[in-house]
Amino acid sequence: MAREEQILERWRTLTPEKQQQVLEFVDSLQSEPESEYVPQTPLAKKLWEIRTRALTSGMRLLNETEIEQELAERRGGYCES
C-alpha cells in the first residue's frame, strides 16, 4: 500500500477535530525552516536526536510562556495569569 493510501485510510477514521490537528501539524512542518544547526558535542548530538524523534512522532514544542506555566504547575509555585 502506498503512503498516500495509508494516510487517506487513517485520515478517514479521524474525527473532524483530529483532522484539524493533522492539518495544523502539516502546516507547521511546511512553515519550519530547514535547520542549519549542527550539534558539535556528543551531548548536543544526543539531545538533537531526541528532539528530532519527538517532533517526528508528532510532539509539539512548547513556547516560552507554556514552558513557564508547566514549570510553575510542576513545582507548585507562583504562576502569573
Protein backbone atom coordinates (compact mmCIF):
# COMPACT_ATOMS: atom_id res chain seq x y z
CA MET A 1 0.00 0.00 0.00
CA ALA A 2 1.36 3.43 -0.93
CA ARG A 3 1.95 6.01 1.77
CA GLU A 4 -0.74 8.27 0.34
CA GLU A 5 -3.28 5.45 0.62
CA GLN A 6 -2.21 4.75 4.20
CA ILE A 7 -2.62 8.40 5.09
CA LEU A 8 -6.05 8.63 3.46
CA GLU A 9 -7.21 5.41 5.10
CA ARG A 10 -6.21 6.68 8.54
CA TRP A 11 -7.48 10.21 7.81
CA ARG A 12 -10.99 8.89 7.18
CA THR A 13 -11.15 7.33 10.65
CA LEU A 14 -10.33 10.61 12.42
CA THR A 15 -12.85 12.95 13.97
CA PRO A 16 -13.12 16.42 12.41
CA GLU A 17 -11.18 17.80 15.41
CA LYS A 18 -8.34 15.34 14.88
CA GLN A 19 -8.32 16.10 11.15
CA GLN A 20 -7.89 19.79 12.01
CA GLN A 21 -4.95 18.90 14.27
CA VAL A 22 -3.37 16.96 11.41
CA LEU A 23 -3.75 19.94 9.08
CA GLU A 24 -2.20 22.27 11.65
CA PHE A 25 0.68 19.85 12.15
CA VAL A 26 1.33 19.62 8.41
CA ASP A 27 1.22 23.42 8.19
CA SER A 28 3.79 23.66 10.98
CA LEU A 29 6.06 21.19 9.18
CA GLN A 30 5.84 23.19 5.98
CA SER A 31 6.50 26.51 7.71
CA GLU A 32 9.51 25.27 9.70
CA PRO A 33 12.74 26.39 8.09
CA GLU A 34 15.20 23.63 7.43
CA SER A 35 17.58 23.55 10.34
CA GLU A 36 21.14 24.61 9.74
CA TYR A 37 22.06 23.70 13.29
CA VAL A 38 24.76 21.06 13.53
CA PRO A 39 25.38 19.73 17.04
CA GLN A 40 29.07 19.67 17.94
CA THR A 41 29.35 17.76 21.20
CA PRO A 42 28.20 14.22 21.97
CA LEU A 43 25.59 15.56 24.40
CA ALA A 44 24.27 18.06 21.85
CA LYS A 45 24.05 15.29 19.24
CA LYS A 46 22.07 13.08 21.63
CA LEU A 47 19.71 15.91 22.62
CA TRP A 48 19.19 16.87 18.97
CA GLU A 49 18.36 13.26 18.14
CA ILE A 50 15.81 13.14 20.98
CA ARG A 51 14.26 16.39 19.77
CA THR A 52 14.06 15.12 16.21
CA ARG A 53 12.40 11.87 17.28
CA ALA A 54 9.90 13.80 19.41
CA LEU A 55 8.96 16.10 16.55
CA THR A 56 8.71 13.19 14.13
CA SER A 57 6.34 11.40 16.48
CA GLY A 58 4.05 14.44 16.48
CA MET A 59 5.05 16.05 19.74
CA ARG A 60 4.54 19.79 19.75
CA LEU A 61 7.22 22.09 21.12
CA LEU A 62 6.18 24.44 23.90
CA ASN A 63 6.67 28.18 23.58
CA GLU A 64 8.29 30.23 26.34
CA THR A 65 5.00 31.01 28.08
CA GLU A 66 3.92 27.37 28.03
CA ILE A 67 7.27 26.27 29.47
CA GLU A 68 6.99 28.76 32.32
CA GLN A 69 3.41 27.62 33.00
CA GLU A 70 4.39 23.94 33.05
CA LEU A 71 7.31 24.60 35.38
CA ALA A 72 5.08 26.52 37.76
CA GLU A 73 2.49 23.73 37.73
CA ARG A 74 5.07 21.02 38.33
CA ARG A 75 6.80 22.90 41.10
CA GLY A 76 3.61 24.14 42.73
CA GLY A 77 4.97 27.64 42.61
CA TYR A 78 3.77 31.08 41.69
CA CYS A 79 2.19 31.46 38.27
CA GLU A 80 1.25 34.76 36.63
CA SER A 81 -2.08 34.71 34.79
